[in-house]
Amino acid sequence: MPVFADEAQSQTLNEWRLAPTPAAGDLDNQAVYVVTWPCDPRVTDAMKRGASVVVLGGGEHLLKSYPITFRTTWWQAGDKPESNLSGTFVYDHPVTRSMAPDGWCDGGWFDLLEGAAKFDLETASVRPEVIVRALPSLLLVKDEALPFEVSVEKGLLIVSGLNHVRAQDRPETQWLLARLPDRAATFPDPAATWSIPAAAVR
């Protein structure tokens, strides 16, 4: 299965030596593309036709998001609810199954969560399938996620708000950066479906 990366993500994934996204012509719809959003319109066209796209940066252009810090905040009861992360819930999913067996992000996730982005799913046209849920403060009840996946017409979109740049050299992010394209290459078909650009709203 061919896996391509745009210029920015080629640097993040340099150990994988992924092929660069072809500079011209229509793109293969039976391939995986690892990108920063907004991306090459040819990638979104390939996704509509069946390709899988993994977004590792720029997800805030798809959904409203907030930067977060990884610290316990329950005693503050939500002094800054937008940026608070009171906890996480990790759903049983092939990407995270071996990394979060207890169902939550422990200290090994620190560099992935510090400076990460949580997405406000209440701004989505259709709620995507959540991989890791971000739990808000005690004063704020909101539906928020870190990585999530959703169908886009015939293709798949996986968006990660985790801080893959900060954690670039850490084994935990190396694990996830391998699992995300692996998941995309299975061409799963989540029940939730977005359209482009209708899904890319704030």
N, C-alpha and C. Protein backbone atom coordinates (compact mmCIF):
# COMPACT_ATOMS: atom_id res chain seq x y z
N MET A 1 0.85 -1.19 0.00
CA MET A 1 0.00 0.00 0.00
C MET A 1 0.89 1.25 0.00
N PRO A 2 0.79 2.10 -1.03
CA PRO A 2 1.63 3.31 -1.05
C PRO A 2 1.19 4.30 0.02
N VAL A 3 2.17 4.87 0.72
CA VAL A 3 1.93 5.90 1.72
C VAL A 3 2.78 7.11 1.35
N PHE A 4 2.14 8.26 1.17
CA PHE A 4 2.81 9.48 0.77
C PHE A 4 2.71 10.51 1.89
N ALA A 5 3.67 11.42 1.91
CA ALA A 5 3.65 12.49 2.91
C ALA A 5 3.94 13.82 2.24
N ASP A 6 3.30 14.88 2.73
CA ASP A 6 3.64 16.20 2.22
C ASP A 6 4.97 16.63 2.82
N GLU A 7 5.45 17.79 2.42
CA GLU A 7 6.80 18.21 2.82
C GLU A 7 6.93 18.33 4.33
N ALA A 8 5.94 18.95 4.98
CA ALA A 8 6.02 19.15 6.44
C ALA A 8 6.03 17.82 7.18
N GLN A 9 5.17 16.90 6.78
CA GLN A 9 5.10 15.64 7.50
C GLN A 9 6.23 14.69 7.13
N SER A 10 6.88 14.91 6.00
CA SER A 10 8.07 14.13 5.68
C SER A 10 9.15 14.36 6.72
N GLN A 11 9.21 15.58 7.28
CA GLN A 11 10.19 15.90 8.32
C GLN A 11 9.81 15.22 9.63
N THR A 12 8.53 15.24 9.97
CA THR A 12 8.08 14.57 11.19
C THR A 12 8.28 13.07 11.10
N LEU A 13 8.09 12.53 9.92
CA LEU A 13 8.17 11.08 9.70
C LEU A 13 9.45 10.70 8.96
N ASN A 14 10.54 11.42 9.23
CA ASN A 14 11.74 11.21 8.43
C ASN A 14 12.31 9.80 8.54
N GLU A 15 12.10 9.14 9.69
CA GLU A 15 12.64 7.79 9.83
C GLU A 15 11.94 6.79 8.92
N TRP A 16 10.71 7.12 8.51
CA TRP A 16 9.97 6.20 7.64
C TRP A 16 10.36 6.37 6.18
N ARG A 17 10.96 7.52 5.86
CA ARG A 17 11.37 7.81 4.47
C ARG A 17 10.20 7.57 3.50
N LEU A 18 9.09 8.20 3.83
CA LEU A 18 7.91 8.05 2.99
C LEU A 18 8.11 8.77 1.66
N ALA A 19 7.45 8.27 0.64
CA ALA A 19 7.52 8.92 -0.67
C ALA A 19 6.82 10.27 -0.60
N PRO A 20 7.37 11.28 -1.25
CA PRO A 20 6.68 12.57 -1.29
C PRO A 20 5.43 12.47 -2.15
N THR A 21 4.43 13.25 -1.80
CA THR A 21 3.23 13.31 -2.63
C THR A 21 3.61 13.75 -4.03
N PRO A 22 3.18 13.04 -5.06
CA PRO A 22 3.54 13.43 -6.44
C PRO A 22 3.21 14.89 -6.70
N ALA A 23 4.09 15.55 -7.42
CA ALA A 23 3.95 16.99 -7.62
C ALA A 23 2.90 17.36 -8.65
N ALA A 24 2.53 16.43 -9.50
CA ALA A 24 1.58 16.75 -10.57
C ALA A 24 0.71 15.54 -10.87
N GLY A 25 -0.42 15.82 -11.49
CA GLY A 25 -1.32 14.75 -11.92
C GLY A 25 -2.29 14.33 -10.85
N ASP A 26 -3.29 13.54 -11.24
CA ASP A 26 -4.26 13.01 -10.29
C ASP A 26 -3.56 12.03 -9.34
N LEU A 27 -4.04 11.99 -8.10
CA LEU A 27 -3.44 11.13 -7.10
C LEU A 27 -4.20 9.81 -6.98
N ASP A 28 -3.48 8.77 -6.60
CA ASP A 28 -4.02 7.43 -6.45
C ASP A 28 -5.07 7.41 -5.34
N ASN A 29 -6.23 6.87 -5.62
CA ASN A 29 -7.27 6.80 -4.59
C ASN A 29 -7.16 5.52 -3.77
N GLN A 30 -6.16 4.69 -4.03
CA GLN A 30 -5.89 3.51 -3.21
C GLN A 30 -4.54 3.70 -2.52
N ALA A 31 -4.45 4.80 -1.79
CA ALA A 31 -3.20 5.16 -1.13
C ALA A 31 -3.53 5.90 0.16
N VAL A 32 -2.49 6.09 0.98
CA VAL A 32 -2.60 6.85 2.22
C VAL A 32 -1.75 8.12 2.08
N TYR A 33 -2.31 9.25 2.52
CA TYR A 33 -1.61 10.53 2.46
C TYR A 33 -1.51 11.11 3.86
N VAL A 34 -0.31 11.41 4.30
CA VAL A 34 -0.08 12.01 5.62
C VAL A 34 0.22 13.48 5.38
N VAL A 35 -0.62 14.36 5.94
CA VAL A 35 -0.58 15.77 5.54
C VAL A 35 -0.73 16.71 6.72
N THR A 36 -0.42 17.97 6.43
CA THR A 36 -0.83 19.10 7.27
C THR A 36 -1.98 19.77 6.56
N TRP A 37 -3.02 20.11 7.31
CA TRP A 37 -4.20 20.75 6.71
C TRP A 37 -4.08 22.26 6.83
N PRO A 38 -4.49 23.04 5.83
CA PRO A 38 -5.08 22.68 4.56
C PRO A 38 -4.06 21.97 3.67
N CYS A 39 -4.55 21.07 2.85
CA CYS A 39 -3.64 20.25 2.04
C CYS A 39 -3.91 20.46 0.56
N ASP A 40 -3.09 19.83 -0.24
CA ASP A 40 -3.22 19.86 -1.68
C ASP A 40 -4.64 19.43 -2.07
N PRO A 41 -5.36 20.24 -2.84
CA PRO A 41 -6.73 19.85 -3.24
C PRO A 41 -6.79 18.50 -3.92
N ARG A 42 -5.69 18.05 -4.53
CA ARG A 42 -5.69 16.74 -5.17
C ARG A 42 -5.79 15.62 -4.13
N VAL A 43 -5.31 15.91 -2.90
CA VAL A 43 -5.42 14.92 -1.83
C VAL A 43 -6.88 14.77 -1.42
N THR A 44 -7.57 15.90 -1.25
CA THR A 44 -8.98 15.81 -0.87
C THR A 44 -9.80 15.16 -1.98
N ASP A 45 -9.41 15.40 -3.23
CA ASP A 45 -10.11 14.75 -4.35
C ASP A 45 -9.88 13.24 -4.29
N ALA A 46 -8.63 12.82 -4.02
CA ALA A 46 -8.34 11.38 -3.91
C ALA A 46 -9.11 10.77 -2.75
N MET A 47 -9.24 11.53 -1.64
CA MET A 47 -9.98 11.03 -0.48
C MET A 47 -11.45 10.82 -0.84
N LYS A 48 -12.02 11.75 -1.55
CA LYS A 48 -13.41 11.58 -1.95
C LYS A 48 -13.60 10.32 -2.80
N ARG A 49 -12.56 9.94 -3.52
CA ARG A 49 -12.64 8.77 -4.40
C ARG A 49 -12.21 7.48 -3.71
N GLY A 50 -11.77 7.57 -2.43
CA GLY A 50 -11.48 6.35 -1.69
C GLY A 50 -10.18 6.33 -0.92
N ALA A 51 -9.33 7.32 -1.06
CA ALA A 51 -8.05 7.34 -0.35
C ALA A 51 -8.25 7.63 1.14
N SER A 52 -7.22 7.31 1.92
CA SER A 52 -7.21 7.63 3.34
C SER A 52 -6.24 8.77 3.59
N VAL A 53 -6.64 9.73 4.40
CA VAL A 53 -5.82 10.90 4.70
C VAL A 53 -5.64 10.99 6.21
N VAL A 54 -4.38 11.13 6.63
CA VAL A 54 -4.04 11.29 8.05
C VAL A 54 -3.54 12.72 8.23
N VAL A 55 -4.23 13.49 9.06
CA VAL A 55 -3.87 14.89 9.32
C VAL A 55 -3.14 14.96 10.65
N LEU A 56 -1.86 15.36 10.62
CA LEU A 56 -1.05 15.46 11.83
C LEU A 56 -0.81 16.90 12.26
N GLY A 57 -1.30 17.85 11.51
CA GLY A 57 -1.16 19.26 11.87
C GLY A 57 -2.19 20.07 11.11
N GLY A 58 -2.62 21.17 11.70
CA GLY A 58 -3.59 22.03 11.04
C GLY A 58 -5.02 21.61 11.21
N GLY A 59 -5.28 20.69 12.14
CA GLY A 59 -6.66 20.24 12.34
C GLY A 59 -7.61 21.34 12.76
N GLU A 60 -7.04 22.45 13.27
CA GLU A 60 -7.90 23.57 13.67
C GLU A 60 -8.63 24.19 12.48
N HIS A 61 -8.19 23.89 11.27
CA HIS A 61 -8.89 24.37 10.08
C HIS A 61 -10.11 23.51 9.77
N LEU A 62 -10.20 22.35 10.40
CA LEU A 62 -11.34 21.47 10.20
C LEU A 62 -12.40 21.64 11.27
N LEU A 63 -11.94 21.82 12.52
CA LEU A 63 -12.86 22.00 13.65
C LEU A 63 -12.28 23.03 14.60
N LYS A 64 -13.16 23.70 15.31
CA LYS A 64 -12.70 24.61 16.35
C LYS A 64 -11.89 23.82 17.37
N SER A 65 -10.76 24.38 17.80
CA SER A 65 -9.89 23.66 18.71
C SER A 65 -9.27 24.61 19.72
N TYR A 66 -8.71 24.03 20.78
CA TYR A 66 -8.04 24.79 21.83
C TYR A 66 -6.72 24.10 22.17
N PRO A 67 -5.64 24.87 22.36
CA PRO A 67 -4.40 24.26 22.84
C PRO A 67 -4.57 23.86 24.31
N ILE A 68 -3.91 22.78 24.70
CA ILE A 68 -4.08 22.28 26.06
C ILE A 68 -2.73 22.09 26.74
N THR A 69 -2.79 22.02 28.05
CA THR A 69 -1.64 21.63 28.85
C THR A 69 -1.99 20.37 29.61
N PHE A 70 -1.00 19.51 29.78
CA PHE A 70 -1.23 18.23 30.45
C PHE A 70 -0.93 18.42 31.93
N ARG A 71 -1.95 18.76 32.68
CA ARG A 71 -1.81 18.94 34.12
C ARG A 71 -3.16 18.65 34.76
N THR A 72 -3.11 18.19 35.98
CA THR A 72 -4.35 17.92 36.70
C THR A 72 -5.01 19.25 37.06
N THR A 73 -6.27 19.39 36.72
CA THR A 73 -6.94 20.69 36.91
C THR A 73 -8.22 20.59 37.72
N TRP A 74 -8.52 19.43 38.25
CA TRP A 74 -9.84 19.27 38.87
C TRP A 74 -10.05 20.23 40.03
N TRP A 75 -8.99 20.55 40.81
CA TRP A 75 -9.18 21.41 41.97
C TRP A 75 -9.43 22.87 41.58
N GLN A 76 -9.09 23.22 40.32
CA GLN A 76 -9.32 24.59 39.89
C GLN A 76 -10.74 24.77 39.35
N ALA A 77 -11.43 23.68 39.17
CA ALA A 77 -12.83 23.71 38.73
C ALA A 77 -13.04 24.49 37.46
N GLY A 78 -12.00 24.57 36.63
CA GLY A 78 -12.19 25.17 35.31
C GLY A 78 -11.88 26.64 35.23
N ASP A 79 -10.71 27.07 35.71
CA ASP A 79 -10.38 28.49 35.62
C ASP A 79 -10.19 28.92 34.16
N LYS A 80 -9.69 28.03 33.34
CA LYS A 80 -9.58 28.28 31.91
C LYS A 80 -10.14 27.06 31.18
N PRO A 81 -11.44 26.95 31.10
CA PRO A 81 -12.05 25.71 30.60
C PRO A 81 -11.64 25.36 29.18
N GLU A 82 -11.33 26.37 28.35
CA GLU A 82 -10.98 26.05 26.98
C GLU A 82 -9.68 25.26 26.91
N SER A 83 -8.70 25.61 27.77
CA SER A 83 -7.40 24.97 27.66
C SER A 83 -7.18 23.87 28.69
N ASN A 84 -8.12 23.69 29.60
CA ASN A 84 -7.96 22.65 30.61
C ASN A 84 -8.13 21.26 30.00
N LEU A 85 -7.41 20.33 30.58
CA LEU A 85 -7.58 18.92 30.24
C LEU A 85 -7.67 18.18 31.57
N SER A 86 -8.89 17.89 31.99
CA SER A 86 -9.08 17.25 33.29
C SER A 86 -8.81 15.76 33.25
N GLY A 87 -8.69 15.22 32.08
CA GLY A 87 -8.43 13.80 31.93
C GLY A 87 -8.70 13.35 30.51
N THR A 88 -8.52 12.08 30.28
CA THR A 88 -8.75 11.52 28.95
C THR A 88 -9.47 10.19 29.07
N PHE A 89 -10.13 9.82 28.01
CA PHE A 89 -10.70 8.47 27.90
C PHE A 89 -10.27 7.93 26.55
N VAL A 90 -9.57 6.80 26.56
CA VAL A 90 -9.07 6.21 25.33
C VAL A 90 -9.98 5.05 24.95
N TYR A 91 -10.62 5.19 23.81
CA TYR A 91 -11.53 4.13 23.34
C TYR A 91 -10.73 2.95 22.80
N ASP A 92 -11.33 1.77 22.85
CA ASP A 92 -10.68 0.59 22.31
C ASP A 92 -10.57 0.75 20.80
N HIS A 93 -9.35 0.88 20.31
CA HIS A 93 -9.12 1.21 18.91
C HIS A 93 -7.77 0.65 18.51
N PRO A 94 -7.60 0.17 17.27
CA PRO A 94 -6.32 -0.41 16.87
C PRO A 94 -5.13 0.52 17.03
N VAL A 95 -5.33 1.83 16.91
CA VAL A 95 -4.22 2.77 17.03
C VAL A 95 -3.69 2.84 18.45
N THR A 96 -4.57 2.78 19.43
CA THR A 96 -4.18 3.04 20.82
C THR A 96 -4.27 1.82 21.73
N ARG A 97 -4.77 0.72 21.22
CA ARG A 97 -5.09 -0.42 22.08
C ARG A 97 -3.89 -0.87 22.92
N SER A 98 -2.71 -0.95 22.33
CA SER A 98 -1.54 -1.45 23.06
C SER A 98 -0.85 -0.37 23.89
N MET A 99 -1.23 0.89 23.67
CA MET A 99 -0.54 1.98 24.34
C MET A 99 -1.31 2.51 25.55
N ALA A 100 -2.58 2.23 25.62
CA ALA A 100 -3.40 2.71 26.74
C ALA A 100 -4.31 1.58 27.21
N PRO A 101 -3.73 0.50 27.75
CA PRO A 101 -4.56 -0.67 28.11
C PRO A 101 -5.55 -0.39 29.23
N ASP A 102 -5.29 0.64 30.04
CA ASP A 102 -6.20 0.97 31.13
C ASP A 102 -7.30 1.95 30.71
N GLY A 103 -7.25 2.40 29.45
CA GLY A 103 -8.31 3.27 28.95
C GLY A 103 -8.11 4.74 29.22
N TRP A 104 -6.90 5.16 29.58
CA TRP A 104 -6.63 6.58 29.79
C TRP A 104 -5.16 6.86 29.50
N CYS A 105 -4.83 8.12 29.24
CA CYS A 105 -3.46 8.53 28.92
C CYS A 105 -2.68 8.76 30.21
N ASP A 106 -1.65 7.97 30.44
CA ASP A 106 -0.84 8.13 31.65
C ASP A 106 0.34 9.07 31.36
N GLY A 107 1.30 9.13 32.27
CA GLY A 107 2.42 10.05 32.14
C GLY A 107 3.26 9.83 30.90
N GLY A 108 3.21 8.62 30.34
CA GLY A 108 3.94 8.36 29.11
C GLY A 108 3.44 9.15 27.92
N TRP A 109 2.27 9.75 28.06
CA TRP A 109 1.69 10.57 27.00
C TRP A 109 2.02 12.06 27.18
N PHE A 110 2.82 12.41 28.18
CA PHE A 110 2.99 13.82 28.52
C PHE A 110 3.37 14.67 27.31
N ASP A 111 4.43 14.28 26.59
CA ASP A 111 4.89 15.11 25.48
C ASP A 111 3.89 15.14 24.33
N LEU A 112 3.08 14.11 24.20
CA LEU A 112 2.05 14.11 23.17
C LEU A 112 0.89 15.05 23.52
N LEU A 113 0.63 15.22 24.82
CA LEU A 113 -0.51 16.02 25.25
C LEU A 113 -0.15 17.48 25.56
N GLU A 114 1.07 17.71 25.99
CA GLU A 114 1.49 19.08 26.31
C GLU A 114 1.57 19.90 25.02
N GLY A 115 0.73 20.93 24.93
CA GLY A 115 0.69 21.74 23.73
C GLY A 115 -0.12 21.13 22.60
N ALA A 116 -0.84 20.06 22.88
CA ALA A 116 -1.69 19.43 21.87
C ALA A 116 -2.94 20.29 21.64
N ALA A 117 -3.76 19.87 20.71
CA ALA A 117 -5.02 20.58 20.43
C ALA A 117 -6.18 19.62 20.66
N LYS A 118 -7.17 20.09 21.41
CA LYS A 118 -8.40 19.32 21.56
C LYS A 118 -9.46 19.95 20.67
N PHE A 119 -10.26 19.10 20.03
CA PHE A 119 -11.24 19.56 19.06
C PHE A 119 -12.63 19.57 19.67
N ASP A 120 -13.34 20.65 19.42
CA ASP A 120 -14.71 20.81 19.90
C ASP A 120 -15.65 20.11 18.92
N LEU A 121 -16.09 18.92 19.30
CA LEU A 121 -16.91 18.13 18.40
C LEU A 121 -18.30 18.70 18.23
N GLU A 122 -18.68 19.61 19.12
CA GLU A 122 -20.00 20.23 18.99
C GLU A 122 -20.06 21.21 17.83
N THR A 123 -18.90 21.52 17.23
CA THR A 123 -18.88 22.38 16.05
C THR A 123 -18.86 21.56 14.76
N ALA A 124 -18.87 20.24 14.88
CA ALA A 124 -18.86 19.38 13.69
C ALA A 124 -20.26 19.22 13.13
N SER A 125 -20.36 19.09 11.82
CA SER A 125 -21.67 18.85 11.19
C SER A 125 -22.23 17.50 11.61
N VAL A 126 -21.35 16.51 11.75
CA VAL A 126 -21.70 15.18 12.24
C VAL A 126 -20.59 14.76 13.19
N ARG A 127 -20.96 14.17 14.34
CA ARG A 127 -19.94 13.77 15.31
C ARG A 127 -19.09 12.64 14.73
N PRO A 128 -17.76 12.83 14.66
CA PRO A 128 -16.89 11.75 14.17
C PRO A 128 -16.71 10.67 15.21
N GLU A 129 -16.01 9.60 14.84
CA GLU A 129 -15.72 8.54 15.77
C GLU A 129 -14.43 8.90 16.53
N VAL A 130 -14.55 8.97 17.85
CA VAL A 130 -13.46 9.46 18.69
C VAL A 130 -12.50 8.31 19.01
N ILE A 131 -11.21 8.60 18.94
CA ILE A 131 -10.18 7.65 19.33
C ILE A 131 -9.73 7.93 20.76
N VAL A 132 -9.44 9.20 21.05
CA VAL A 132 -9.12 9.63 22.42
C VAL A 132 -10.00 10.82 22.75
N ARG A 133 -10.78 10.71 23.81
CA ARG A 133 -11.65 11.81 24.23
C ARG A 133 -10.94 12.67 25.25
N ALA A 134 -11.06 13.99 25.09
CA ALA A 134 -10.53 14.94 26.05
C ALA A 134 -11.64 15.31 27.03
N LEU A 135 -11.39 15.11 28.31
CA LEU A 135 -12.40 15.40 29.33
C LEU A 135 -12.21 16.83 29.81
N PRO A 136 -13.25 17.64 29.77
CA PRO A 136 -13.14 19.05 30.15
C PRO A 136 -13.17 19.23 31.66
N SER A 137 -13.19 20.48 32.08
CA SER A 137 -13.19 20.81 33.50
C SER A 137 -14.53 20.49 34.15
N LEU A 138 -14.57 20.60 35.46
CA LEU A 138 -15.79 20.30 36.20
C LEU A 138 -16.92 21.27 35.86
N LEU A 139 -16.56 22.48 35.43
CA LEU A 139 -17.58 23.47 35.14
C LEU A 139 -18.04 23.46 33.68
N LEU A 140 -17.41 22.62 32.88
CA LEU A 140 -17.71 22.63 31.46
C LEU A 140 -18.02 21.22 30.98
N VAL A 141 -19.20 21.04 30.44
CA VAL A 141 -19.57 19.74 29.87
C VAL A 141 -19.58 19.91 28.36
N LYS A 142 -18.53 19.38 27.71
CA LYS A 142 -18.41 19.52 26.26
C LYS A 142 -17.91 18.20 25.68
N ASP A 143 -18.19 18.01 24.42
CA ASP A 143 -17.75 16.83 23.69
C ASP A 143 -16.49 17.21 22.93
N GLU A 144 -15.34 16.72 23.39
CA GLU A 144 -14.06 17.11 22.80
C GLU A 144 -13.20 15.88 22.55
N ALA A 145 -12.32 15.98 21.56
CA ALA A 145 -11.50 14.84 21.18
C ALA A 145 -10.08 15.28 20.88
N LEU A 146 -9.17 14.33 20.91
CA LEU A 146 -7.78 14.54 20.47
C LEU A 146 -7.65 13.88 19.08
N PRO A 147 -7.34 12.60 18.90
CA PRO A 147 -7.50 12.00 17.57
C PRO A 147 -8.94 11.52 17.35
N PHE A 148 -9.38 11.60 16.09
CA PHE A 148 -10.68 11.06 15.71
C PHE A 148 -10.62 10.64 14.24
N GLU A 149 -11.63 9.89 13.80
CA GLU A 149 -11.70 9.48 12.40
C GLU A 149 -13.13 9.61 11.89
N VAL A 150 -13.25 9.79 10.58
CA VAL A 150 -14.56 10.00 9.98
C VAL A 150 -14.46 9.64 8.50
N SER A 151 -15.55 9.15 7.95
CA SER A 151 -15.61 8.91 6.50
C SER A 151 -15.81 10.24 5.78
N VAL A 152 -15.20 10.34 4.61
CA VAL A 152 -15.44 11.48 3.73
C VAL A 152 -15.75 10.91 2.35
N GLU A 153 -17.04 10.92 2.02
CA GLU A 153 -17.52 10.28 0.79
C GLU A 153 -16.99 8.84 0.74
N LYS A 154 -16.14 8.47 -0.22
CA LYS A 154 -15.66 7.09 -0.31
C LYS A 154 -14.38 6.86 0.47
N GLY A 155 -13.82 7.91 1.05
CA GLY A 155 -12.53 7.80 1.72
C GLY A 155 -12.60 7.96 3.22
N LEU A 156 -11.42 8.10 3.82
CA LEU A 156 -11.29 8.17 5.27
C LEU A 156 -10.43 9.36 5.65
N LEU A 157 -10.81 10.02 6.74
CA LEU A 157 -10.03 11.12 7.30
C LEU A 157 -9.74 10.81 8.76
N ILE A 158 -8.46 10.76 9.13
CA ILE A 158 -8.04 10.62 10.53
C ILE A 158 -7.35 11.91 10.90
N VAL A 159 -7.79 12.54 11.98
CA VAL A 159 -7.21 13.81 12.43
C VAL A 159 -6.66 13.62 13.83
N SER A 160 -5.39 13.99 14.03
CA SER A 160 -4.77 13.91 15.35
C SER A 160 -4.40 15.30 15.84
N GLY A 161 -4.86 15.62 17.04
CA GLY A 161 -4.48 16.87 17.66
C GLY A 161 -3.29 16.71 18.59
N LEU A 162 -2.74 15.50 18.70
CA LEU A 162 -1.60 15.26 19.58
C LEU A 162 -0.38 16.04 19.10
N ASN A 163 0.52 16.35 20.03
CA ASN A 163 1.69 17.15 19.70
C ASN A 163 2.81 16.25 19.20
N HIS A 164 2.71 15.84 17.95
CA HIS A 164 3.69 14.92 17.38
C HIS A 164 5.04 15.59 17.18
N VAL A 165 5.07 16.91 17.06
CA VAL A 165 6.35 17.61 16.88
C VAL A 165 7.13 17.63 18.19
N ARG A 166 6.48 18.02 19.28
CA ARG A 166 7.16 18.04 20.58
C ARG A 166 7.69 16.64 20.94
N ALA A 167 6.88 15.63 20.64
CA ALA A 167 7.21 14.26 21.03
C ALA A 167 7.90 13.48 19.91
N GLN A 168 8.45 14.20 18.93
CA GLN A 168 8.93 13.56 17.71
C GLN A 168 9.92 12.43 17.96
N ASP A 169 10.81 12.60 18.93
CA ASP A 169 11.85 11.60 19.17
C ASP A 169 11.49 10.60 20.27
N ARG A 170 10.28 10.68 20.76
CA ARG A 170 9.85 9.81 21.85
C ARG A 170 9.30 8.49 21.30
N PRO A 171 9.52 7.38 22.01
CA PRO A 171 9.02 6.09 21.50
C PRO A 171 7.51 6.03 21.40
N GLU A 172 6.82 6.75 22.29
CA GLU A 172 5.36 6.68 22.25
C GLU A 172 4.81 7.32 20.98
N THR A 173 5.41 8.42 20.54
CA THR A 173 4.91 9.02 19.30
C THR A 173 5.35 8.22 18.09
N GLN A 174 6.53 7.60 18.17
CA GLN A 174 6.96 6.73 17.08
C GLN A 174 5.96 5.58 16.90
N TRP A 175 5.48 5.07 18.02
CA TRP A 175 4.47 4.01 17.96
C TRP A 175 3.20 4.50 17.27
N LEU A 176 2.70 5.65 17.71
CA LEU A 176 1.46 6.17 17.14
C LEU A 176 1.63 6.56 15.68
N LEU A 177 2.79 7.12 15.34
CA LEU A 177 3.02 7.54 13.96
C LEU A 177 3.13 6.34 13.02
N ALA A 178 3.42 5.18 13.57
CA ALA A 178 3.38 3.96 12.77
C ALA A 178 1.97 3.41 12.68
N ARG A 179 1.22 3.47 13.79
CA ARG A 179 -0.12 2.89 13.83
C ARG A 179 -1.13 3.71 13.03
N LEU A 180 -1.00 5.03 13.01
CA LEU A 180 -2.00 5.84 12.30
C LEU A 180 -2.03 5.53 10.80
N PRO A 181 -0.89 5.53 10.09
CA PRO A 181 -0.95 5.12 8.68
C PRO A 181 -1.37 3.66 8.50
N ASP A 182 -0.96 2.79 9.45
CA ASP A 182 -1.39 1.40 9.37
C ASP A 182 -2.91 1.30 9.40
N ARG A 183 -3.51 2.05 10.32
CA ARG A 183 -4.97 2.07 10.41
C ARG A 183 -5.58 2.61 9.12
N ALA A 184 -5.02 3.70 8.62
CA ALA A 184 -5.55 4.29 7.39
C ALA A 184 -5.46 3.33 6.22
N ALA A 185 -4.41 2.51 6.20
CA ALA A 185 -4.19 1.58 5.09
C ALA A 185 -5.18 0.43 5.07
N THR A 186 -5.92 0.24 6.17
CA THR A 186 -6.96 -0.79 6.17
C THR A 186 -8.26 -0.29 5.54
N PHE A 187 -8.31 1.01 5.23
CA PHE A 187 -9.47 1.65 4.63
C PHE A 187 -10.75 1.32 5.39
N PRO A 188 -10.76 1.63 6.71
CA PRO A 188 -11.99 1.41 7.48
C PRO A 188 -13.10 2.34 7.00
N ASP A 189 -14.29 2.04 7.39
CA ASP A 189 -15.45 2.81 6.92
C ASP A 189 -16.28 3.25 8.12
N PRO A 190 -15.84 4.31 8.83
CA PRO A 190 -16.62 4.78 9.99
C PRO A 190 -18.04 5.16 9.57
N ALA A 191 -18.97 4.95 10.48
CA ALA A 191 -20.38 5.25 10.17
C ALA A 191 -20.59 6.74 9.97
N ALA A 192 -19.88 7.57 10.76
CA ALA A 192 -20.03 9.02 10.64
C ALA A 192 -19.39 9.48 9.33
N THR A 193 -20.10 10.35 8.60
CA THR A 193 -19.61 10.81 7.30
C THR A 193 -19.65 12.33 7.22
N TRP A 194 -18.55 12.91 6.80
CA TRP A 194 -18.46 14.34 6.52
C TRP A 194 -18.40 14.53 5.02
N SER A 195 -18.69 15.77 4.63
CA SER A 195 -18.41 16.18 3.26
C SER A 195 -17.38 17.30 3.34
N ILE A 196 -16.68 17.50 2.29
CA ILE A 196 -15.69 18.58 2.19
C ILE A 196 -16.19 19.55 1.12
N PRO A 197 -16.35 20.85 1.44
CA PRO A 197 -15.87 21.53 2.64
C PRO A 197 -16.88 21.64 3.76
N ALA A 198 -18.06 21.03 3.63
CA ALA A 198 -19.09 21.22 4.64
C ALA A 198 -18.63 20.84 6.03
N ALA A 199 -17.76 19.83 6.12
CA ALA A 199 -17.27 19.40 7.43
C ALA A 199 -16.25 20.37 7.98
N ALA A 200 -15.60 21.13 7.12
CA ALA A 200 -14.52 22.00 7.57
C ALA A 200 -15.08 23.36 7.97
N VAL A 201 -15.89 23.34 9.01
CA VAL A 201 -16.53 24.57 9.48
C VAL A 201 -16.09 24.86 10.91
N ARG A 202 -16.18 26.11 11.27
CA ARG A 202 -15.85 26.51 12.64
C ARG A 202 -17.14 26.88 13.36
